Amino acid sequence: MGSKIYVGGLPYSTTEQQLSDLFAAHGAVTSARIITDKFTGQSRGFGFVEMSADSEAQAAITALNGTQLGGRTLTVNEARPQEPRTGGGGGGRGGFGGGRR
């Protein structure tokens, strides 16, 4: 089945390969992804790792949560499902129109 892990507090210079290597010491890594800003392409300081076995994922969480990487403290825990996003934008048309006489 596999487990998805949230990794926060990453140094902005961390690569996906470095993230994968960090977790590979605890089991088979299926994927490692660093989240980037969609406009600048710069890391946002967090990412996700998928591991093939739940037991390996749990071992990695236990071993890596609270450790240091590049002078920053990592937050490592099981990823929660993404919250559904609301539409946003658009809004009402207040101030327009009015009665025509």
PDB file of N, CA and C in Angstrom:
ATOM      1  N   MET A   1       0.829  -1.194   0.000  1.00  0.00           N
ATOM      2  CA  MET A   1       0.000   0.000   0.000  1.00  0.00           C
ATOM      3  C   MET A   1       0.868   1.251   0.000  1.00  0.00           C
ATOM      4  N   GLY A   2       1.779   1.399   0.935  1.00  0.00           N
ATOM      5  CA  GLY A   2       2.665   2.557   0.974  1.00  0.00           C
ATOM      6  C   GLY A   2       2.099   3.691   1.793  1.00  0.00           C
ATOM      7  N   SER A   3       2.980   4.563   2.217  1.00  0.00           N
ATOM      8  CA  SER A   3       2.588   5.697   3.037  1.00  0.00           C
ATOM      9  C   SER A   3       3.185   6.972   2.500  1.00  0.00           C
ATOM     10  N   LYS A   4       2.408   8.049   2.599  1.00  0.00           N
ATOM     11  CA  LYS A   4       2.880   9.365   2.192  1.00  0.00           C
ATOM     12  C   LYS A   4       3.272  10.123   3.447  1.00  0.00           C
ATOM     13  N   ILE A   5       4.457  10.716   3.412  1.00  0.00           N
ATOM     14  CA  ILE A   5       5.021  11.397   4.568  1.00  0.00           C
ATOM     15  C   ILE A   5       5.217  12.871   4.244  1.00  0.00           C
ATOM     16  N   TYR A   6       4.806  13.736   5.168  1.00  0.00           N
ATOM     17  CA  TYR A   6       5.050  15.175   5.062  1.00  0.00           C
ATOM     18  C   TYR A   6       6.396  15.479   5.704  1.00  0.00           C
ATOM     19  N   VAL A   7       7.200  16.306   5.038  1.00  0.00           N
ATOM     20  CA  VAL A   7       8.497  16.715   5.579  1.00  0.00           C
ATOM     21  C   VAL A   7       8.558  18.237   5.531  1.00  0.00           C
ATOM     22  N   GLY A   8       8.548  18.871   6.695  1.00  0.00           N
ATOM     23  CA  GLY A   8       8.610  20.326   6.781  1.00  0.00           C
ATOM     24  C   GLY A   8       9.927  20.785   7.369  1.00  0.00           C
ATOM     25  N   GLY A   9      10.236  22.050   7.201  1.00  0.00           N
ATOM     26  CA  GLY A   9      11.465  22.625   7.745  1.00  0.00           C
ATOM     27  C   GLY A   9      12.687  22.331   6.898  1.00  0.00           C
ATOM     28  N   LEU A  10      12.469  21.993   5.630  1.00  0.00           N
ATOM     29  CA  LEU A  10      13.603  21.692   4.751  1.00  0.00           C
ATOM     30  C   LEU A  10      14.383  22.957   4.418  1.00  0.00           C
ATOM     31  N   PRO A  11      15.711  22.862   4.359  1.00  0.00           N
ATOM     32  CA  PRO A  11      16.479  23.993   3.834  1.00  0.00           C
ATOM     33  C   PRO A  11      16.043  24.256   2.393  1.00  0.00           C
ATOM     34  N   TYR A  12      16.003  25.504   1.981  1.00  0.00           N
ATOM     35  CA  TYR A  12      15.507  25.841   0.652  1.00  0.00           C
ATOM     36  C   TYR A  12      16.385  25.286  -0.463  1.00  0.00           C
ATOM     37  N   SER A  13      17.616  24.909  -0.127  1.00  0.00           N
ATOM     38  CA  SER A  13      18.547  24.383  -1.139  1.00  0.00           C
ATOM     39  C   SER A  13      18.432  22.872  -1.316  1.00  0.00           C
ATOM     40  N   THR A  14      17.602  22.208  -0.517  1.00  0.00           N
ATOM     41  CA  THR A  14      17.475  20.755  -0.588  1.00  0.00           C
ATOM     42  C   THR A  14      16.889  20.327  -1.932  1.00  0.00           C
ATOM     43  N   THR A  15      17.495  19.276  -2.530  1.00  0.00           N
ATOM     44  CA  THR A  15      16.984  18.741  -3.792  1.00  0.00           C
ATOM     45  C   THR A  15      16.122  17.516  -3.516  1.00  0.00           C
ATOM     46  N   GLU A  16      15.341  17.128  -4.511  1.00  0.00           N
ATOM     47  CA  GLU A  16      14.514  15.929  -4.362  1.00  0.00           C
ATOM     48  C   GLU A  16      15.387  14.690  -4.195  1.00  0.00           C
ATOM     49  N   GLN A  17      16.551  14.666  -4.839  1.00  0.00           N
ATOM     50  CA  GLN A  17      17.465  13.531  -4.690  1.00  0.00           C
ATOM     51  C   GLN A  17      17.988  13.449  -3.254  1.00  0.00           C
ATOM     52  N   GLN A  18      18.346  14.577  -2.660  1.00  0.00           N
ATOM     53  CA  GLN A  18      18.816  14.595  -1.276  1.00  0.00           C
ATOM     54  C   GLN A  18      17.719  14.119  -0.326  1.00  0.00           C
ATOM     55  N   LEU A  19      16.486  14.544  -0.587  1.00  0.00           N
ATOM     56  CA  LEU A  19      15.359  14.134   0.238  1.00  0.00           C
ATOM     57  C   LEU A  19      15.146  12.627   0.127  1.00  0.00           C
ATOM     58  N   SER A  20      15.211  12.118  -1.083  1.00  0.00           N
ATOM     59  CA  SER A  20      15.066  10.681  -1.312  1.00  0.00           C
ATOM     60  C   SER A  20      16.163   9.903  -0.596  1.00  0.00           C
ATOM     61  N   ASP A  21      17.402  10.372  -0.717  1.00  0.00           N
ATOM     62  CA  ASP A  21      18.536   9.699  -0.067  1.00  0.00           C
ATOM     63  C   ASP A  21      18.389   9.676   1.451  1.00  0.00           C
ATOM     64  N   LEU A  22      17.886  10.764   2.018  1.00  0.00           N
ATOM     65  CA  LEU A  22      17.692  10.852   3.473  1.00  0.00           C
ATOM     66  C   LEU A  22      16.747   9.752   3.965  1.00  0.00           C
ATOM     67  N   PHE A  23      15.667   9.533   3.224  1.00  0.00           N
ATOM     68  CA  PHE A  23      14.672   8.548   3.631  1.00  0.00           C
ATOM     69  C   PHE A  23      15.037   7.133   3.202  1.00  0.00           C
ATOM     70  N   ALA A  24      15.865   6.980   2.192  1.00  0.00           N
ATOM     71  CA  ALA A  24      16.250   5.658   1.698  1.00  0.00           C
ATOM     72  C   ALA A  24      16.993   4.848   2.755  1.00  0.00           C
ATOM     73  N   ALA A  25      17.590   5.518   3.722  1.00  0.00           N
ATOM     74  CA  ALA A  25      18.279   4.812   4.812  1.00  0.00           C
ATOM     75  C   ALA A  25      17.290   4.036   5.682  1.00  0.00           C
ATOM     76  N   HIS A  26      15.995   4.326   5.540  1.00  0.00           N
ATOM     77  CA  HIS A  26      14.975   3.696   6.385  1.00  0.00           C
ATOM     78  C   HIS A  26      14.047   2.775   5.605  1.00  0.00           C
ATOM     79  N   GLY A  27      14.237   2.676   4.287  1.00  0.00           N
ATOM     80  CA  GLY A  27      13.404   1.794   3.484  1.00  0.00           C
ATOM     81  C   GLY A  27      13.331   2.249   2.043  1.00  0.00           C
ATOM     82  N   ALA A  28      12.498   1.553   1.269  1.00  0.00           N
ATOM     83  CA  ALA A  28      12.366   1.843  -0.161  1.00  0.00           C
ATOM     84  C   ALA A  28      11.510   3.088  -0.393  1.00  0.00           C
ATOM     85  N   VAL A  29      12.106   4.068  -1.051  1.00  0.00           N
ATOM     86  CA  VAL A  29      11.411   5.311  -1.369  1.00  0.00           C
ATOM     87  C   VAL A  29      10.775   5.185  -2.750  1.00  0.00           C
ATOM     88  N   THR A  30       9.464   5.388  -2.822  1.00  0.00           N
ATOM     89  CA  THR A  30       8.741   5.341  -4.084  1.00  0.00           C
ATOM     90  C   THR A  30       8.876   6.669  -4.826  1.00  0.00           C
ATOM     91  N   SER A  31       8.748   7.775  -4.099  1.00  0.00           N
ATOM     92  CA  SER A  31       8.904   9.102  -4.703  1.00  0.00           C
ATOM     93  C   SER A  31       9.256  10.118  -3.623  1.00  0.00           C
ATOM     94  N   ALA A  32       9.923  11.190  -4.057  1.00  0.00           N
ATOM     95  CA  ALA A  32      10.250  12.308  -3.171  1.00  0.00           C
ATOM     96  C   ALA A  32      10.004  13.581  -3.965  1.00  0.00           C
ATOM     97  N   ARG A  33       9.219  14.485  -3.392  1.00  0.00           N
ATOM     98  CA  ARG A  33       8.850  15.700  -4.109  1.00  0.00           C
ATOM     99  C   ARG A  33       8.963  16.900  -3.182  1.00  0.00           C
ATOM    100  N   ILE A  34       9.662  17.921  -3.650  1.00  0.00           N
ATOM    101  CA  ILE A  34       9.763  19.180  -2.916  1.00  0.00           C
ATOM    102  C   ILE A  34       8.786  20.158  -3.554  1.00  0.00           C
ATOM    103  N   ILE A  35       7.991  20.801  -2.731  1.00  0.00           N
ATOM    104  CA  ILE A  35       6.987  21.739  -3.216  1.00  0.00           C
ATOM    105  C   ILE A  35       7.653  23.088  -3.492  1.00  0.00           C
ATOM    106  N   THR A  36       7.381  23.632  -4.669  1.00  0.00           N
ATOM    107  CA  THR A  36       7.986  24.896  -5.066  1.00  0.00           C
ATOM    108  C   THR A  36       6.918  25.949  -5.323  1.00  0.00           C
ATOM    109  N   ASP A  37       7.320  27.198  -5.229  1.00  0.00           N
ATOM    110  CA  ASP A  37       6.439  28.318  -5.542  1.00  0.00           C
ATOM    111  C   ASP A  37       6.144  28.299  -7.034  1.00  0.00           C
ATOM    112  N   LYS A  38       4.886  28.430  -7.414  1.00  0.00           N
ATOM    113  CA  LYS A  38       4.542  28.303  -8.833  1.00  0.00           C
ATOM    114  C   LYS A  38       5.004  29.484  -9.677  1.00  0.00           C
ATOM    115  N   PHE A  39       5.317  30.594  -9.059  1.00  0.00           N
ATOM    116  CA  PHE A  39       5.771  31.749  -9.819  1.00  0.00           C
ATOM    117  C   PHE A  39       7.294  31.832  -9.895  1.00  0.00           C
ATOM    118  N   THR A  40       7.977  31.601  -8.773  1.00  0.00           N
ATOM    119  CA  THR A  40       9.441  31.742  -8.753  1.00  0.00           C
ATOM    120  C   THR A  40      10.166  30.420  -8.958  1.00  0.00           C
ATOM    121  N   GLY A  41       9.489  29.303  -8.688  1.00  0.00           N
ATOM    122  CA  GLY A  41      10.142  28.003  -8.801  1.00  0.00           C
ATOM    123  C   GLY A  41      11.025  27.669  -7.609  1.00  0.00           C
ATOM    124  N   GLN A  42      11.099  28.549  -6.627  1.00  0.00           N
ATOM    125  CA  GLN A  42      11.931  28.318  -5.437  1.00  0.00           C
ATOM    126  C   GLN A  42      11.200  27.409  -4.458  1.00  0.00           C
ATOM    127  N   SER A  43      11.981  26.595  -3.749  1.00  0.00           N
ATOM    128  CA  SER A  43      11.432  25.687  -2.746  1.00  0.00           C
ATOM    129  C   SER A  43      10.634  26.464  -1.709  1.00  0.00           C
ATOM    130  N   ARG A  44       9.546  25.843  -1.238  1.00  0.00           N
ATOM    131  CA  ARG A  44       8.748  26.454  -0.167  1.00  0.00           C
ATOM    132  C   ARG A  44       9.127  25.886   1.192  1.00  0.00           C
ATOM    133  N   GLY A  45      10.143  25.020   1.231  1.00  0.00           N
ATOM    134  CA  GLY A  45      10.657  24.519   2.507  1.00  0.00           C
ATOM    135  C   GLY A  45       9.949  23.282   3.025  1.00  0.00           C
ATOM    136  N   PHE A  46       9.138  22.639   2.179  1.00  0.00           N
ATOM    137  CA  PHE A  46       8.525  21.382   2.599  1.00  0.00           C
ATOM    138  C   PHE A  46       8.323  20.485   1.393  1.00  0.00           C
ATOM    139  N   GLY A  47       8.068  19.219   1.682  1.00  0.00           N
ATOM    140  CA  GLY A  47       7.869  18.271   0.599  1.00  0.00           C
ATOM    141  C   GLY A  47       7.184  17.013   1.092  1.00  0.00           C
ATOM    142  N   PHE A  48       7.100  16.027   0.202  1.00  0.00           N
ATOM    143  CA  PHE A  48       6.441  14.765   0.518  1.00  0.00           C
ATOM    144  C   PHE A  48       7.294  13.608   0.024  1.00  0.00           C
ATOM    145  N   VAL A  49       7.301  12.557   0.804  1.00  0.00           N
ATOM    146  CA  VAL A  49       8.016  11.335   0.442  1.00  0.00           C
ATOM    147  C   VAL A  49       7.014  10.199   0.518  1.00  0.00           C
ATOM    148  N   GLU A  50       7.024   9.326  -0.489  1.00  0.00           N
ATOM    149  CA  GLU A  50       6.203   8.123  -0.447  1.00  0.00           C
ATOM    150  C   GLU A  50       7.123   6.934  -0.301  1.00  0.00           C
ATOM    151  N   MET A  51       6.771   6.064   0.638  1.00  0.00           N
ATOM    152  CA  MET A  51       7.548   4.852   0.869  1.00  0.00           C
ATOM    153  C   MET A  51       6.656   3.650   0.604  1.00  0.00           C
ATOM    154  N   SER A  52       7.282   2.551   0.167  1.00  0.00           N
ATOM    155  CA  SER A  52       6.506   1.401  -0.286  1.00  0.00           C
ATOM    156  C   SER A  52       5.838   0.634   0.846  1.00  0.00           C
ATOM    157  N   ALA A  53       6.384   0.660   2.048  1.00  0.00           N
ATOM    158  CA  ALA A  53       5.803  -0.100   3.161  1.00  0.00           C
ATOM    159  C   ALA A  53       5.471   0.820   4.329  1.00  0.00           C
ATOM    160  N   ASP A  54       4.322   0.595   4.941  1.00  0.00           N
ATOM    161  CA  ASP A  54       3.897   1.396   6.094  1.00  0.00           C
ATOM    162  C   ASP A  54       4.902   1.308   7.235  1.00  0.00           C
ATOM    163  N   SER A  55       5.460   0.120   7.459  1.00  0.00           N
ATOM    164  CA  SER A  55       6.397  -0.062   8.570  1.00  0.00           C
ATOM    165  C   SER A  55       7.677   0.744   8.337  1.00  0.00           C
ATOM    166  N   GLU A  56       8.127   0.804   7.086  1.00  0.00           N
ATOM    167  CA  GLU A  56       9.320   1.597   6.769  1.00  0.00           C
ATOM    168  C   GLU A  56       9.026   3.084   6.935  1.00  0.00           C
ATOM    169  N   ALA A  57       7.855   3.497   6.515  1.00  0.00           N
ATOM    170  CA  ALA A  57       7.462   4.898   6.656  1.00  0.00           C
ATOM    171  C   ALA A  57       7.411   5.293   8.127  1.00  0.00           C
ATOM    172  N   GLN A  58       6.849   4.433   8.950  1.00  0.00           N
ATOM    173  CA  GLN A  58       6.760   4.722  10.375  1.00  0.00           C
ATOM    174  C   GLN A  58       8.143   4.798  11.005  1.00  0.00           C
ATOM    175  N   ALA A  59       9.044   3.910  10.575  1.00  0.00           N
ATOM    176  CA  ALA A  59      10.420   3.927  11.084  1.00  0.00           C
ATOM    177  C   ALA A  59      11.121   5.231  10.689  1.00  0.00           C
ATOM    178  N   ALA A  60      10.892   5.684   9.461  1.00  0.00           N
ATOM    179  CA  ALA A  60      11.502   6.929   9.000  1.00  0.00           C
ATOM    180  C   ALA A  60      10.963   8.126   9.778  1.00  0.00           C
ATOM    181  N   ILE A  61       9.655   8.151  10.016  1.00  0.00           N
ATOM    182  CA  ILE A  61       9.047   9.240  10.784  1.00  0.00           C
ATOM    183  C   ILE A  61       9.650   9.302  12.179  1.00  0.00           C
ATOM    184  N   THR A  62       9.736   8.156  12.822  1.00  0.00           N
ATOM    185  CA  THR A  62      10.280   8.086  14.184  1.00  0.00           C
ATOM    186  C   THR A  62      11.737   8.535  14.218  1.00  0.00           C
ATOM    187  N   ALA A  63      12.512   8.087  13.240  1.00  0.00           N
ATOM    188  CA  ALA A  63      13.946   8.382  13.226  1.00  0.00           C
ATOM    189  C   ALA A  63      14.259   9.825  12.837  1.00  0.00           C
ATOM    190  N   LEU A  64      13.472  10.425  11.940  1.00  0.00           N
ATOM    191  CA  LEU A  64      13.849  11.723  11.371  1.00  0.00           C
ATOM    192  C   LEU A  64      13.129  12.927  11.962  1.00  0.00           C
ATOM    193  N   ASN A  65      11.966  12.734  12.586  1.00  0.00           N
ATOM    194  CA  ASN A  65      11.236  13.877  13.149  1.00  0.00           C
ATOM    195  C   ASN A  65      12.072  14.546  14.240  1.00  0.00           C
ATOM    196  N   GLY A  66      12.270  15.856  14.103  1.00  0.00           N
ATOM    197  CA  GLY A  66      13.027  16.614  15.097  1.00  0.00           C
ATOM    198  C   GLY A  66      14.526  16.640  14.845  1.00  0.00           C
ATOM    199  N   THR A  67      15.006  15.968  13.801  1.00  0.00           N
ATOM    200  CA  THR A  67      16.435  15.989  13.496  1.00  0.00           C
ATOM    201  C   THR A  67      16.792  17.248  12.718  1.00  0.00           C
ATOM    202  N   GLN A  68      18.086  17.504  12.604  1.00  0.00           N
ATOM    203  CA  GLN A  68      18.577  18.693  11.904  1.00  0.00           C
ATOM    204  C   GLN A  68      19.026  18.337  10.490  1.00  0.00           C
ATOM    205  N   LEU A  69      18.735  19.218   9.552  1.00  0.00           N
ATOM    206  CA  LEU A  69      19.234  19.104   8.190  1.00  0.00           C
ATOM    207  C   LEU A  69      19.589  20.511   7.733  1.00  0.00           C
ATOM    208  N   GLY A  70      20.850  20.728   7.434  1.00  0.00           N
ATOM    209  CA  GLY A  70      21.281  22.051   6.987  1.00  0.00           C
ATOM    210  C   GLY A  70      20.984  23.149   7.985  1.00  0.00           C
ATOM    211  N   GLY A  71      21.046  22.830   9.275  1.00  0.00           N
ATOM    212  CA  GLY A  71      20.801  23.828  10.310  1.00  0.00           C
ATOM    213  C   GLY A  71      19.334  24.084  10.615  1.00  0.00           C
ATOM    214  N   ARG A  72      18.446  23.329   9.998  1.00  0.00           N
ATOM    215  CA  ARG A  72      17.006  23.492  10.258  1.00  0.00           C
ATOM    216  C   ARG A  72      16.445  22.218  10.859  1.00  0.00           C
ATOM    217  N   THR A  73      15.473  22.361  11.737  1.00  0.00           N
ATOM    218  CA  THR A  73      14.837  21.206  12.380  1.00  0.00           C
ATOM    219  C   THR A  73      13.707  20.693  11.510  1.00  0.00           C
ATOM    220  N   LEU A  74      13.749  19.403  11.211  1.00  0.00           N
ATOM    221  CA  LEU A  74      12.732  18.792  10.356  1.00  0.00           C
ATOM    222  C   LEU A  74      11.483  18.424  11.145  1.00  0.00           C
ATOM    223  N   THR A  75      10.338  18.618  10.530  1.00  0.00           N
ATOM    224  CA  THR A  75       9.066  18.122  11.033  1.00  0.00           C
ATOM    225  C   THR A  75       8.654  17.012  10.084  1.00  0.00           C
ATOM    226  N   VAL A  76       8.577  15.794  10.595  1.00  0.00           N
ATOM    227  CA  VAL A  76       8.275  14.638   9.756  1.00  0.00           C
ATOM    228  C   VAL A  76       7.082  13.912  10.364  1.00  0.00           C
ATOM    229  N   ASN A  77       5.991  13.793   9.597  1.00  0.00           N
ATOM    230  CA  ASN A  77       4.833  13.050  10.068  1.00  0.00           C
ATOM    231  C   ASN A  77       4.029  12.520   8.888  1.00  0.00           C
ATOM    232  N   GLU A  78       3.033  11.723   9.205  1.00  0.00           N
ATOM    233  CA  GLU A  78       2.192  11.154   8.151  1.00  0.00           C
ATOM    234  C   GLU A  78       1.413  12.283   7.482  1.00  0.00           C
ATOM    235  N   ALA A  79       1.418  12.273   6.160  1.00  0.00           N
ATOM    236  CA  ALA A  79       0.718  13.329   5.412  1.00  0.00           C
ATOM    237  C   ALA A  79      -0.786  13.145   5.556  1.00  0.00           C
ATOM    238  N   ARG A  80      -1.484  14.258   5.716  1.00  0.00           N
ATOM    239  CA  ARG A  80      -2.946  14.230   5.761  1.00  0.00           C
ATOM    240  C   ARG A  80      -3.469  14.477   4.358  1.00  0.00           C
ATOM    241  N   PRO A  81      -4.670  14.021   4.069  1.00  0.00           N
ATOM    242  CA  PRO A  81      -5.248  14.296   2.746  1.00  0.00           C
ATOM    243  C   PRO A  81      -5.381  15.800   2.526  1.00  0.00           C
ATOM    244  N   GLN A  82      -5.188  16.234   1.293  1.00  0.00           N
ATOM    245  CA  GLN A  82      -5.280  17.655   0.976  1.00  0.00           C
ATOM    246  C   GLN A  82      -6.706  18.138   1.172  1.00  0.00           C
ATOM    247  N   GLU A  83      -6.821  19.303   1.810  1.00  0.00           N
ATOM    248  CA  GLU A  83      -8.127  19.908   2.029  1.00  0.00           C
ATOM    249  C   GLU A  83      -8.700  20.360   0.691  1.00  0.00           C
ATOM    250  N   PRO A  84      -9.996  20.142   0.449  1.00  0.00           N
ATOM    251  CA  PRO A  84     -10.584  20.658  -0.793  1.00  0.00           C
ATOM    252  C   PRO A  84     -10.542  22.180  -0.790  1.00  0.00           C
ATOM    253  N   ARG A  85     -10.186  22.735  -1.918  1.00  0.00           N
ATOM    254  CA  ARG A  85     -10.077  24.189  -2.002  1.00  0.00           C
ATOM    255  C   ARG A  85     -11.373  24.780  -2.526  1.00  0.00           C
ATOM    256  N   THR A  86     -11.708  25.960  -2.008  1.00  0.00           N
ATOM    257  CA  THR A  86     -12.898  26.648  -2.503  1.00  0.00           C
ATOM    258  C   THR A  86     -12.503  27.500  -3.690  1.00  0.00           C
ATOM    259  N   GLY A  87     -13.472  27.859  -4.480  1.00  0.00           N
ATOM    260  CA  GLY A  87     -13.232  28.579  -5.729  1.00  0.00           C
ATOM    261  C   GLY A  87     -12.382  29.820  -5.600  1.00  0.00           C
ATOM    262  N   GLY A  88     -12.789  30.764  -4.803  1.00  0.00           N
ATOM    263  CA  GLY A  88     -12.048  32.010  -4.672  1.00  0.00           C
ATOM    264  C   GLY A  88     -12.208  32.884  -5.903  1.00  0.00           C
ATOM    265  N   GLY A  89     -11.829  34.128  -5.797  1.00  0.00           N
ATOM    266  CA  GLY A  89     -11.920  35.040  -6.931  1.00  0.00           C
ATOM    267  C   GLY A  89     -13.368  35.313  -7.306  1.00  0.00           C
ATOM    268  N   GLY A  90     -13.544  36.142  -8.263  1.00  0.00           N
ATOM    269  CA  GLY A  90     -14.895  36.419  -8.749  1.00  0.00           C
ATOM    270  C   GLY A  90     -15.676  37.300  -7.813  1.00  0.00           C
ATOM    271  N   GLY A  91     -16.246  36.726  -6.824  1.00  0.00           N
ATOM    272  CA  GLY A  91     -16.985  37.484  -5.835  1.00  0.00           C
ATOM    273  C   GLY A  91     -18.275  38.075  -6.376  1.00  0.00           C
ATOM    274  N   GLY A  92     -18.907  38.847  -5.555  1.00  0.00           N
ATOM    275  CA  GLY A  92     -20.163  39.476  -5.947  1.00  0.00           C
ATOM    276  C   GLY A  92     -19.923  40.683  -6.838  1.00  0.00           C
ATOM    277  N   ARG A  93     -20.995  41.271  -7.266  1.00  0.00           N
ATOM    278  CA  ARG A  93     -20.885  42.443  -8.139  1.00  0.00           C
ATOM    279  C   ARG A  93     -21.428  43.672  -7.429  1.00  0.00           C
ATOM    280  N   GLY A  94     -21.063  43.822  -6.188  1.00  0.00           N
ATOM    281  CA  GLY A  94     -21.555  44.945  -5.411  1.00  0.00           C
ATOM    282  C   GLY A  94     -21.181  46.281  -6.018  1.00  0.00           C
ATOM    283  N   GLY A  95     -22.086  47.223  -5.934  1.00  0.00           N
ATOM    284  CA  GLY A  95     -21.804  48.567  -6.429  1.00  0.00           C
ATOM    285  C   GLY A  95     -22.209  48.772  -7.878  1.00  0.00           C
ATOM    286  N   PHE A  96     -22.575  47.736  -8.554  1.00  0.00           N
ATOM    287  CA  PHE A  96     -22.964  47.882  -9.956  1.00  0.00           C
ATOM    288  C   PHE A  96     -24.488  47.958 -10.060  1.00  0.00           C
ATOM    289  N   GLY A  97     -24.922  48.495 -11.124  1.00  0.00           N
ATOM    290  CA  GLY A  97     -26.345  48.461 -11.430  1.00  0.00           C
ATOM    291  C   GLY A  97     -27.160  49.436 -10.599  1.00  0.00           C
ATOM    292  N   GLY A  98     -28.195  48.917 -10.056  1.00  0.00           N
ATOM    293  CA  GLY A  98     -29.140  49.779  -9.348  1.00  0.00           C
ATOM    294  C   GLY A  98     -30.407  49.865 -10.185  1.00  0.00           C
ATOM    295  N   GLY A  99     -31.412  50.467  -9.637  1.00  0.00           N
ATOM    296  CA  GLY A  99     -32.696  50.535 -10.361  1.00  0.00           C
ATOM    297  C   GLY A  99     -32.616  51.535 -11.510  1.00  0.00           C
ATOM    298  N   ARG A 100     -33.267  51.175 -12.621  1.00  0.00           N
ATOM    299  CA  ARG A 100     -33.350  52.104 -13.747  1.00  0.00           C
ATOM    300  C   ARG A 100     -34.751  52.717 -13.749  1.00  0.00           C
ATOM    301  N   ARG A 101     -34.792  53.987 -13.936  1.00  0.00           N
ATOM    302  CA  ARG A 101     -36.083  54.645 -13.903  1.00  0.00           C
ATOM    303  C   ARG A 101     -36.380  55.314 -15.173  1.00  0.00           C
TER     304      ARG A 101
END
